[in-house]
C-alpha atoms as a PDB file:
ATOM      1  CA  MET A   1     -30.969  48.652 -21.841  1.00  0.00           C
ATOM      2  CA  LEU A   2     -34.635  49.509 -21.668  1.00  0.00           C
ATOM      3  CA  HIS A   3     -36.872  46.889 -23.181  1.00  0.00           C
ATOM      4  CA  SER A   4     -40.430  47.301 -24.581  1.00  0.00           C
ATOM      5  CA  MET A   5     -42.733  44.385 -23.831  1.00  0.00           C
ATOM      6  CA  THR A   6     -44.041  44.475 -27.388  1.00  0.00           C
ATOM      7  CA  GLY A   7     -42.500  42.246 -29.946  1.00  0.00           C
ATOM      8  CA  PHE A   8     -43.255  39.627 -32.760  1.00  0.00           C
ATOM      9  CA  ALA A   9     -41.100  37.021 -34.539  1.00  0.00           C
ATOM     10  CA  ARG A  10     -41.708  34.014 -36.730  1.00  0.00           C
ATOM     11  CA  GLU A  11     -38.977  31.495 -37.616  1.00  0.00           C
ATOM     12  CA  SER A  12     -39.046  28.221 -39.526  1.00  0.00           C
ATOM     13  CA  LEU A  13     -36.726  25.283 -39.829  1.00  0.00           C
ATOM     14  CA  ASP A  14     -36.930  22.276 -42.168  1.00  0.00           C
ATOM     15  CA  THR A  15     -36.073  18.970 -40.529  1.00  0.00           C
ATOM     16  CA  ASP A  16     -35.939  15.331 -41.687  1.00  0.00           C
ATOM     17  CA  LEU A  17     -39.323  14.799 -39.947  1.00  0.00           C
ATOM     18  CA  GLY A  18     -41.050  18.046 -41.541  1.00  0.00           C
ATOM     19  CA  THR A  19     -41.247  21.827 -41.080  1.00  0.00           C
ATOM     20  CA  LEU A  20     -41.199  23.389 -37.795  1.00  0.00           C
ATOM     21  CA  SER A  21     -42.287  27.101 -37.376  1.00  0.00           C
ATOM     22  CA  TRP A  22     -42.390  29.228 -34.055  1.00  0.00           C
ATOM     23  CA  GLU A  23     -44.575  32.206 -33.807  1.00  0.00           C
ATOM     24  CA  VAL A  24     -43.928  34.575 -30.874  1.00  0.00           C
ATOM     25  CA  ARG A  25     -46.086  37.500 -30.036  1.00  0.00           C
ATOM     26  CA  ALA A  26     -45.602  39.652 -26.975  1.00  0.00           C
ATOM     27  CA  VAL A  27     -47.481  42.610 -25.666  1.00  0.00           C
ATOM     28  CA  ASN A  28     -47.498  44.620 -22.269  1.00  0.00           C
ATOM     29  CA  HIS A  29     -48.810  42.840 -19.075  1.00  0.00           C
ATOM     30  CA  ARG A  30     -48.401  43.270 -15.371  1.00  0.00           C
ATOM     31  CA  TYR A  31     -46.424  40.036 -14.967  1.00  0.00           C
ATOM     32  CA  LEU A  32     -44.972  37.431 -17.346  1.00  0.00           C
ATOM     33  CA  ASP A  33     -47.827  35.412 -18.738  1.00  0.00           C
ATOM     34  CA  VAL A  34     -46.887  32.821 -21.310  1.00  0.00           C
ATOM     35  CA  GLN A  35     -49.380  30.774 -23.350  1.00  0.00           C
ATOM     36  CA  PHE A  36     -48.602  27.842 -25.726  1.00  0.00           C
ATOM     37  CA  LYS A  37     -49.963  26.287 -28.791  1.00  0.00           C
ATOM     38  CA  LEU A  38     -48.143  23.112 -29.524  1.00  0.00           C
ATOM     39  CA  PRO A  39     -48.381  19.904 -31.604  1.00  0.00           C
ATOM     40  CA  GLU A  40     -49.774  16.891 -29.942  1.00  0.00           C
ATOM     41  CA  ASP A  41     -46.283  15.209 -29.972  1.00  0.00           C
ATOM     42  CA  LEU A  42     -44.498  18.068 -28.200  1.00  0.00           C
ATOM     43  CA  ARG A  43     -47.234  19.004 -25.508  1.00  0.00           C
ATOM     44  CA  PRO A  44     -45.374  17.032 -22.831  1.00  0.00           C
ATOM     45  CA  LYS A  45     -42.389  19.446 -23.435  1.00  0.00           C
ATOM     46  CA  GLU A  46     -44.425  22.610 -22.581  1.00  0.00           C
ATOM     47  CA  GLN A  47     -42.805  23.161 -19.194  1.00  0.00           C
ATOM     48  CA  ALA A  48     -39.244  23.013 -20.833  1.00  0.00           C
ATOM     49  CA  PHE A  49     -40.441  25.691 -23.398  1.00  0.00           C
ATOM     50  CA  ARG A  50     -41.858  27.760 -20.663  1.00  0.00           C
ATOM     51  CA  GLN A  51     -38.723  27.975 -18.730  1.00  0.00           C
ATOM     52  CA  GLN A  52     -36.777  28.768 -21.960  1.00  0.00           C
ATOM     53  CA  VAL A  53     -39.016  31.907 -22.503  1.00  0.00           C
ATOM     54  CA  GLY A  54     -38.898  32.871 -18.855  1.00  0.00           C
ATOM     55  CA  ALA A  55     -35.146  32.951 -19.099  1.00  0.00           C
ATOM     56  CA  VAL A  56     -35.324  35.541 -21.826  1.00  0.00           C
ATOM     57  CA  LEU A  57     -38.375  37.674 -21.300  1.00  0.00           C
ATOM     58  CA  GLY A  58     -39.220  39.153 -17.727  1.00  0.00           C
ATOM     59  CA  ARG A  59     -42.521  40.577 -18.220  1.00  0.00           C
ATOM     60  CA  GLY A  60     -45.438  40.633 -20.736  1.00  0.00           C
ATOM     61  CA  LYS A  61     -48.173  38.518 -22.183  1.00  0.00           C
ATOM     62  CA  VAL A  62     -46.461  36.221 -24.594  1.00  0.00           C
ATOM     63  CA  GLU A  63     -48.186  33.947 -27.038  1.00  0.00           C
ATOM     64  CA  CYS A  64     -46.066  31.071 -28.366  1.00  0.00           C
ATOM     65  CA  GLY A  65     -47.397  29.014 -31.225  1.00  0.00           C
ATOM     66  CA  LEU A  66     -45.435  25.961 -32.581  1.00  0.00           C
ATOM     67  CA  PHE A  67     -46.643  24.611 -35.869  1.00  0.00           C
ATOM     68  CA  PHE A  68     -45.327  21.438 -37.397  1.00  0.00           C
ATOM     69  CA  ARG A  69     -45.989  20.341 -40.986  1.00  0.00           C
ATOM     70  CA  ARG A  70     -45.080  16.652 -41.258  1.00  0.00           C
ATOM     71  CA  VAL A  71     -43.189  15.130 -44.247  1.00  0.00           C
ATOM     72  CA  VAL A  72     -45.564  12.711 -45.988  1.00  0.00           C
ATOM     73  CA  ASP A  73     -44.314   9.357 -46.855  1.00  0.00           C
ATOM     74  CA  GLN A  74     -47.002   7.713 -49.033  1.00  0.00           C
ATOM     75  CA  GLN A  75     -45.856   4.163 -48.219  1.00  0.00           C
ATOM     76  CA  SER A  76     -45.723   4.589 -44.474  1.00  0.00           C
ATOM     77  CA  GLU A  77     -48.144   7.311 -43.857  1.00  0.00           C
ATOM     78  CA  MET A  78     -51.307   6.266 -45.796  1.00  0.00           C
ATOM     79  CA  GLN A  79     -51.941   3.106 -44.025  1.00  0.00           C
ATOM     80  CA  LEU A  80     -55.623   2.031 -43.291  1.00  0.00           C
ATOM     81  CA  ASP A  81     -56.719   0.461 -40.237  1.00  0.00           C
ATOM     82  CA  GLU A  82     -58.742  -2.365 -41.849  1.00  0.00           C
ATOM     83  CA  THR A  83     -60.253  -3.753 -38.859  1.00  0.00           C
ATOM     84  CA  LEU A  84     -61.621  -0.318 -37.880  1.00  0.00           C
ATOM     85  CA  VAL A  85     -62.990   0.196 -41.523  1.00  0.00           C
ATOM     86  CA  SER A  86     -64.728  -3.145 -41.245  1.00  0.00           C
ATOM     87  CA  VAL A  87     -66.329  -2.211 -38.121  1.00  0.00           C
ATOM     88  CA  LEU A  88     -67.347   1.103 -39.525  1.00  0.00           C
ATOM     89  CA  ARG A  89     -68.765  -0.594 -42.513  1.00  0.00           C
ATOM     90  CA  ALA A  90     -70.822  -2.841 -40.538  1.00  0.00           C
ATOM     91  CA  ARG A  91     -72.329  -0.075 -38.403  1.00  0.00           C
ATOM     92  CA  LEU A  92     -73.183   1.945 -41.688  1.00  0.00           C
ATOM     93  CA  ASP A  93     -74.869  -1.111 -43.083  1.00  0.00           C
ATOM     94  CA  GLU A  94     -77.004  -1.293 -40.028  1.00  0.00           C
ATOM     95  CA  ILE A  95     -78.034   2.348 -40.395  1.00  0.00           C
ATOM     96  CA  ALA A  96     -78.684   1.896 -44.013  1.00  0.00           C
ATOM     97  CA  GLU A  97     -81.062  -1.014 -43.330  1.00  0.00           C
ATOM     98  CA  GLN A  98     -83.024   1.134 -40.798  1.00  0.00           C
ATOM     99  CA  LEU A  99     -82.893   4.449 -42.647  1.00  0.00           C
ATOM    100  CA  PRO A 100     -83.061   3.267 -46.433  1.00  0.00           C
ATOM    101  CA  GLN A 101     -83.612   6.916 -47.594  1.00  0.00           C
ATOM    102  CA  ALA A 102     -80.475   8.207 -45.935  1.00  0.00           C
ATOM    103  CA  ALA A 103     -77.683   9.451 -48.345  1.00  0.00           C
ATOM    104  CA  ALA A 104     -74.717   7.341 -49.055  1.00  0.00           C
ATOM    105  CA  VAL A 105     -71.633   7.883 -46.914  1.00  0.00           C
ATOM    106  CA  ASN A 106     -68.748   9.769 -48.615  1.00  0.00           C
ATOM    107  CA  PRO A 107     -65.610   7.649 -48.385  1.00  0.00           C
ATOM    108  CA  LEU A 108     -63.604  10.884 -47.570  1.00  0.00           C
ATOM    109  CA  ASP A 109     -65.698  11.108 -44.364  1.00  0.00           C
ATOM    110  CA  VAL A 110     -64.641   7.600 -43.384  1.00  0.00           C
ATOM    111  CA  LEU A 111     -60.952   8.536 -43.799  1.00  0.00           C
ATOM    112  CA  ARG A 112     -61.469  11.356 -41.578  1.00  0.00           C
ATOM    113  CA  TRP A 113     -62.618   9.194 -38.821  1.00  0.00           C
ATOM    114  CA  PRO A 114     -60.018   9.138 -35.904  1.00  0.00           C
ATOM    115  CA  GLY A 115     -57.640   6.148 -36.291  1.00  0.00           C
ATOM    116  CA  VAL A 116     -58.686   5.226 -39.792  1.00  0.00           C
ATOM    117  CA  LEU A 117     -55.390   6.400 -41.342  1.00  0.00           C
ATOM    118  CA  GLN A 118     -52.492   5.050 -39.379  1.00  0.00           C
ATOM    119  CA  GLN A 119     -49.408   7.199 -38.936  1.00  0.00           C
ATOM    120  CA  PRO A 120     -46.250   5.778 -37.449  1.00  0.00           C
ATOM    121  CA  GLU A 121     -45.114   7.293 -34.276  1.00  0.00           C
ATOM    122  CA  ILE A 122     -42.280   9.705 -34.397  1.00  0.00           C
ATOM    123  CA  ASN A 123     -39.391  10.083 -31.994  1.00  0.00           C
ATOM    124  CA  ALA A 124     -40.182  13.360 -30.486  1.00  0.00           C
ATOM    125  CA  GLU A 125     -36.849  13.893 -28.886  1.00  0.00           C
ATOM    126  CA  PRO A 126     -34.922  14.935 -31.997  1.00  0.00           C
ATOM    127  CA  LEU A 127     -37.949  17.061 -32.876  1.00  0.00           C
ATOM    128  CA  PHE A 128     -37.923  18.772 -29.368  1.00  0.00           C
ATOM    129  CA  GLU A 129     -34.206  19.473 -29.806  1.00  0.00           C
ATOM    130  CA  ASP A 130     -34.948  21.294 -33.073  1.00  0.00           C
ATOM    131  CA  ALA A 131     -37.746  23.032 -31.712  1.00  0.00           C
ATOM    132  CA  ARG A 132     -35.897  24.313 -28.675  1.00  0.00           C
ATOM    133  CA  ALA A 133     -33.062  25.624 -30.894  1.00  0.00           C
ATOM    134  CA  LEU A 134     -35.565  27.304 -33.201  1.00  0.00           C
ATOM    135  CA  LEU A 135     -37.391  28.857 -30.247  1.00  0.00           C
ATOM    136  CA  GLU A 136     -34.149  30.332 -28.915  1.00  0.00           C
ATOM    137  CA  THR A 137     -33.641  31.953 -32.436  1.00  0.00           C
ATOM    138  CA  THR A 138     -37.144  33.249 -32.413  1.00  0.00           C
ATOM    139  CA  LEU A 139     -36.785  34.659 -28.875  1.00  0.00           C
ATOM    140  CA  VAL A 140     -33.609  36.485 -30.085  1.00  0.00           C
ATOM    141  CA  ALA A 141     -35.522  38.197 -32.760  1.00  0.00           C
ATOM    142  CA  VAL A 142     -38.377  39.040 -30.488  1.00  0.00           C
ATOM    143  CA  ASN A 143     -35.882  40.560 -28.070  1.00  0.00           C
ATOM    144  CA  ALA A 144     -34.267  42.565 -30.860  1.00  0.00           C
ATOM    145  CA  MET A 145     -37.490  44.067 -31.614  1.00  0.00           C
ATOM    146  CA  ARG A 146     -38.329  44.722 -27.923  1.00  0.00           C
ATOM    147  CA  LEU A 147     -34.974  46.423 -27.466  1.00  0.00           C
ATOM    148  CA  SER A 148     -35.403  48.547 -30.603  1.00  0.00           C
ATOM    149  CA  GLU A 149     -38.914  49.694 -29.404  1.00  0.00           C
ATOM    150  CA  GLY A 150     -37.267  50.352 -25.708  1.00  0.00           C
ATOM    151  CA  GLN A 151     -34.535  52.400 -27.237  1.00  0.00           C
ATOM    152  CA  ARG A 152     -37.348  54.592 -28.955  1.00  0.00           C
ATOM    153  CA  ILE A 153     -39.194  54.807 -25.590  1.00  0.00           C
ATOM    154  CA  ARG A 154     -35.916  55.846 -23.805  1.00  0.00           C
ATOM    155  CA  GLU A 155     -35.130  58.612 -26.076  1.00  0.00           C
ATOM    156  CA  MET A 156     -38.759  59.955 -25.692  1.00  0.00           C
ATOM    157  CA  LEU A 157     -38.357  59.780 -21.806  1.00  0.00           C
ATOM    158  CA  GLN A 158     -34.948  61.544 -21.789  1.00  0.00           C
ATOM    159  CA  SER A 159     -36.586  64.296 -24.068  1.00  0.00           C
ATOM    160  CA  ARG A 160     -39.308  64.842 -21.558  1.00  0.00           C
ATOM    161  CA  CYS A 161     -37.036  64.799 -18.687  1.00  0.00           C
ATOM    162  CA  VAL A 162     -35.199  67.803 -20.379  1.00  0.00           C
ATOM    163  CA  ASP A 163     -38.597  69.606 -20.833  1.00  0.00           C
ATOM    164  CA  ILE A 164     -39.581  68.970 -17.087  1.00  0.00           C
ATOM    165  CA  GLU A 165     -36.200  70.097 -15.950  1.00  0.00           C
ATOM    166  CA  ALA A 166     -36.497  73.364 -18.018  1.00  0.00           C
ATOM    167  CA  ILE A 167     -39.997  74.100 -16.718  1.00  0.00           C
ATOM    168  CA  ALA A 168     -38.594  73.473 -13.131  1.00  0.00           C
ATOM    169  CA  ALA A 169     -35.792  75.852 -13.588  1.00  0.00           C
ATOM    170  CA  ALA A 170     -38.089  78.610 -15.069  1.00  0.00           C
ATOM    171  CA  VAL A 171     -40.434  78.358 -11.943  1.00  0.00           C
ATOM    172  CA  ARG A 172     -37.528  78.448  -9.576  1.00  0.00           C
ATOM    173  CA  SER A 173     -35.985  81.516 -11.285  1.00  0.00           C
ATOM    174  CA  ARG A 174     -39.384  83.334 -11.092  1.00  0.00           C
ATOM    175  CA  MET A 175     -39.974  82.550  -7.368  1.00  0.00           C
ATOM    176  CA  PRO A 176     -38.288  85.675  -5.936  1.00  0.00           C
ATOM    177  CA  GLU A 177     -40.555  87.697  -8.210  1.00  0.00           C
ATOM    178  CA  VAL A 178     -43.490  85.888  -7.334  1.00  0.00           C
ATOM    179  CA  LEU A 179     -42.855  86.179  -3.571  1.00  0.00           C
ATOM    180  CA  ALA A 180     -42.109  89.838  -3.936  1.00  0.00           C
ATOM    181  CA  ALA A 181     -45.426  90.397  -5.849  1.00  0.00           C
ATOM    182  CA  THR A 182     -47.429  88.279  -3.246  1.00  0.00           C
ATOM    183  CA  ARG A 183     -45.881  90.405  -0.491  1.00  0.00           C
ATOM    184  CA  ALA A 184     -46.715  93.660  -2.187  1.00  0.00           C
ATOM    185  CA  LYS A 185     -50.205  92.583  -2.871  1.00  0.00           C
ATOM    186  CA  GLN A 186     -50.935  91.675   0.801  1.00  0.00           C
ATOM    187  CA  LYS A 187     -49.598  95.133   2.040  1.00  0.00           C
ATOM    188  CA  GLU A 188     -51.818  96.794  -0.492  1.00  0.00           C
ATOM    189  CA  ARG A 189     -54.891  94.828   0.737  1.00  0.00           C
ATOM    190  CA  ILE A 190     -54.079  95.858   4.262  1.00  0.00           C
ATOM    191  CA  GLU A 191     -53.483  99.634   3.342  1.00  0.00           C
ATOM    192  CA  LYS A 192     -56.926  99.453   1.507  1.00  0.00           C
ATOM    193  CA  LEU A 193     -58.673  98.393   4.837  1.00  0.00           C
ATOM    194  CA  ASP A 194     -57.288 101.710   6.397  1.00  0.00           C
ATOM    195  CA  VAL A 195     -56.260 100.086   9.625  1.00  0.00           C
ATOM    196  CA  GLU A 196     -53.155 100.314  11.300  1.00  0.00           C
ATOM    197  CA  ALA A 197     -51.229  96.958  11.437  1.00  0.00           C
ATOM    198  CA  ASP A 198     -48.677  95.746  13.871  1.00  0.00           C
ATOM    199  CA  PRO A 199     -45.474  95.813  11.845  1.00  0.00           C
ATOM    200  CA  ALA A 200     -43.991  92.864  13.618  1.00  0.00           C
ATOM    201  CA  ARG A 201     -47.292  90.741  13.451  1.00  0.00           C
ATOM    202  CA  LEU A 202     -47.453  91.893   9.729  1.00  0.00           C
ATOM    203  CA  GLU A 203     -44.033  90.462   9.059  1.00  0.00           C
ATOM    204  CA  VAL A 204     -45.110  87.292  10.579  1.00  0.00           C
ATOM    205  CA  GLU A 205     -48.139  87.000   8.567  1.00  0.00           C
ATOM    206  CA  LEU A 206     -46.165  87.807   5.493  1.00  0.00           C
ATOM    207  CA  ALA A 207     -43.582  85.225   6.280  1.00  0.00           C
ATOM    208  CA  LEU A 208     -46.337  82.635   6.687  1.00  0.00           C
ATOM    209  CA  ILE A 209     -47.754  83.425   3.374  1.00  0.00           C
ATOM    210  CA  ALA A 210     -44.382  83.299   1.792  1.00  0.00           C
ATOM    211  CA  GLN A 211     -43.663  79.967   3.162  1.00  0.00           C
ATOM    212  CA  LYS A 212     -47.138  78.644   2.012  1.00  0.00           C
ATOM    213  CA  ILE A 213     -46.446  79.435  -1.619  1.00  0.00           C
ATOM    214  CA  ASP A 214     -42.676  78.680  -1.681  1.00  0.00           C
ATOM    215  CA  VAL A 215     -42.179  75.689  -3.982  1.00  0.00           C
ATOM    216  CA  ASP A 216     -38.382  75.236  -3.528  1.00  0.00           C
ATOM    217  CA  GLU A 217     -38.767  71.969  -1.769  1.00  0.00           C
ATOM    218  CA  GLU A 218     -41.127  70.590  -4.443  1.00  0.00           C
ATOM    219  CA  LEU A 219     -38.637  71.617  -7.182  1.00  0.00           C
ATOM    220  CA  ASP A 220     -35.745  70.031  -5.411  1.00  0.00           C
ATOM    221  CA  ARG A 221     -37.729  66.749  -5.047  1.00  0.00           C
ATOM    222  CA  LEU A 222     -38.798  66.955  -8.766  1.00  0.00           C
ATOM    223  CA  GLU A 223     -35.226  67.311  -9.881  1.00  0.00           C
ATOM    224  CA  SER A 224     -34.178  64.362  -7.740  1.00  0.00           C
ATOM    225  CA  HIS A 225     -36.702  62.200  -9.324  1.00  0.00           C
ATOM    226  CA  LEU A 226     -35.296  63.203 -12.766  1.00  0.00           C
ATOM    227  CA  VAL A 227     -32.057  61.999 -11.618  1.00  0.00           C
ATOM    228  CA  GLU A 228     -33.478  58.628 -10.445  1.00  0.00           C
ATOM    229  CA  ILE A 229     -35.326  58.283 -13.909  1.00  0.00           C
ATOM    230  CA  ARG A 230     -32.135  58.892 -15.890  1.00  0.00           C
ATOM    231  CA  ASP A 231     -30.299  56.280 -13.532  1.00  0.00           C
ATOM    232  CA  ALA A 232     -33.050  53.734 -14.244  1.00  0.00           C
ATOM    233  CA  LEU A 233     -32.876  54.327 -18.071  1.00  0.00           C
ATOM    234  CA  ASP A 234     -29.122  53.349 -17.925  1.00  0.00           C
ATOM    235  CA  ASP A 235     -29.861  50.198 -15.872  1.00  0.00           C
ATOM    236  CA  ASP A 236     -29.588  46.571 -17.428  1.00  0.00           C
ATOM    237  CA  LYS A 237     -32.309  45.243 -15.298  1.00  0.00           C
ATOM    238  CA  PRO A 238     -36.133  45.592 -15.902  1.00  0.00           C
ATOM    239  CA  VAL A 239     -37.083  48.891 -14.560  1.00  0.00           C
ATOM    240  CA  GLY A 240     -40.638  49.391 -15.653  1.00  0.00           C
ATOM    241  CA  ARG A 241     -42.091  49.004 -12.340  1.00  0.00           C
ATOM    242  CA  ARG A 242     -39.577  51.540 -10.703  1.00  0.00           C
ATOM    243  CA  LEU A 243     -40.280  54.144 -13.507  1.00  0.00           C
ATOM    244  CA  ASP A 244     -43.948  53.727 -12.970  1.00  0.00           C
ATOM    245  CA  PHE A 245     -43.366  54.426  -9.280  1.00  0.00           C
ATOM    246  CA  LEU A 246     -41.307  57.520 -10.215  1.00  0.00           C
ATOM    247  CA  MET A 247     -44.190  58.854 -12.394  1.00  0.00           C
ATOM    248  CA  GLN A 248     -46.506  58.766  -9.317  1.00  0.00           C
ATOM    249  CA  GLU A 249     -43.951  60.771  -7.365  1.00  0.00           C
ATOM    250  CA  LEU A 250     -43.585  63.388 -10.155  1.00  0.00           C
ATOM    251  CA  ASN A 251     -47.313  63.742 -10.443  1.00  0.00           C
ATOM    252  CA  ARG A 252     -47.537  64.285  -6.606  1.00  0.00           C
ATOM    253  CA  GLU A 253     -44.866  67.075  -6.921  1.00  0.00           C
ATOM    254  CA  ALA A 254     -46.767  68.751  -9.971  1.00  0.00           C
ATOM    255  CA  ASN A 255     -50.032  68.714  -8.060  1.00  0.00           C
ATOM    256  CA  THR A 256     -48.411  70.240  -5.116  1.00  0.00           C
ATOM    257  CA  LEU A 257     -46.928  72.751  -7.130  1.00  0.00           C
ATOM    258  CA  GLY A 258     -50.315  73.687  -8.724  1.00  0.00           C
ATOM    259  CA  SER A 259     -51.958  73.746  -5.323  1.00  0.00           C
ATOM    260  CA  LYS A 260     -49.231  76.244  -3.965  1.00  0.00           C
ATOM    261  CA  SER A 261     -49.397  78.307  -7.164  1.00  0.00           C
ATOM    262  CA  ALA A 262     -49.637  82.182  -6.469  1.00  0.00           C
ATOM    263  CA  ASP A 263     -49.871  83.285 -10.051  1.00  0.00           C
ATOM    264  CA  SER A 264     -51.021  82.263 -13.486  1.00  0.00           C
ATOM    265  CA  GLU A 265     -47.636  81.376 -14.834  1.00  0.00           C
ATOM    266  CA  THR A 266     -46.839  78.755 -12.025  1.00  0.00           C
ATOM    267  CA  THR A 267     -50.285  77.290 -12.547  1.00  0.00           C
ATOM    268  CA  LYS A 268     -49.517  76.984 -16.279  1.00  0.00           C
ATOM    269  CA  ALA A 269     -46.223  75.473 -15.398  1.00  0.00           C
ATOM    270  CA  ALA A 270     -47.984  72.797 -13.196  1.00  0.00           C
ATOM    271  CA  VAL A 271     -50.294  71.953 -15.970  1.00  0.00           C
ATOM    272  CA  ASP A 272     -47.473  71.529 -18.499  1.00  0.00           C
ATOM    273  CA  LEU A 273     -45.660  69.242 -15.932  1.00  0.00           C
ATOM    274  CA  LYS A 274     -48.698  67.032 -15.674  1.00  0.00           C
ATOM    275  CA  VAL A 275     -49.092  66.794 -19.468  1.00  0.00           C
ATOM    276  CA  LEU A 276     -45.549  65.693 -19.843  1.00  0.00           C
ATOM    277  CA  ILE A 277     -45.704  63.249 -16.960  1.00  0.00           C
ATOM    278  CA  GLU A 278     -48.856  61.608 -18.468  1.00  0.00           C
ATOM    279  CA  GLN A 279     -46.999  61.316 -21.956  1.00  0.00           C
ATOM    280  CA  MET A 280     -44.117  59.499 -20.027  1.00  0.00           C
ATOM    281  CA  ARG A 281     -46.475  57.394 -18.010  1.00  0.00           C
ATOM    282  CA  GLU A 282     -48.287  56.098 -20.977  1.00  0.00           C
ATOM    283  CA  GLN A 283     -44.973  54.874 -22.559  1.00  0.00           C
ATOM    284  CA  ILE A 284     -43.801  53.352 -19.391  1.00  0.00           C
ATOM    285  CA  GLN A 285     -46.809  51.067 -19.329  1.00  0.00           C
ATOM    286  CA  ASN A 286     -45.118  49.181 -22.125  1.00  0.00           C
ATOM    287  CA  VAL A 287     -41.608  48.977 -20.438  1.00  0.00           C
ATOM    288  CA  GLU A 288     -40.570  45.675 -19.184  1.00  0.00           C
END
């Protein structure tokens, strides 16, 4: 199934140690680019989280934020490092002697000093296991959004394929008329010159002109590319790059059709084709 590269999900889990929350945001990107924002206790586990994301998402710029709100135990959490406080007080007294006009230090500022409040170390392994399970749930939610968006893109691409097919069929059905009109126009020009043309040479020249404006080959390749696009839309593997290449091929045939155009209707058809192809290309930029 077609997957978009855009998705977002946020999932939370209450544990004995506190509340874990994953926030995963994905947008389109040429490759898979995963960035993490992790709590200090779980930073050593970044590589494991990265492998977990890579097993689910193939392309896209993915921002993964893990937030941990620790449960506060007043008896164990709010412990002062009295030795550090004593050192800070001594230094503050020295400063007060040299700068007697300085404002008194706010006790809250002292509490914010790194290491003044001691927190017992936590066992990161159970927390990691909970975070990994929660990340899996979050990635499932992100993938569901990407799949839903991919289905919308798939329907749009299928609709444009039908439109392109109709334009190609209309151009093909008109080609005998266009060739006949071009042949008649060339004969009329020669007659206006009031010269006697060699019938055999004239037929050769008219055949060459008809060959130059004949677009059967371009229409055949156009229809062949549409078959490949439909096959790609039903593929279970990531097909964004393949579809992007097929858009280039479609655009090449539309350009050739325009350059070979011998009447205004064919020119208009070439322009309409390029508009449809560009609409498809814009959507495919977001396909995994």
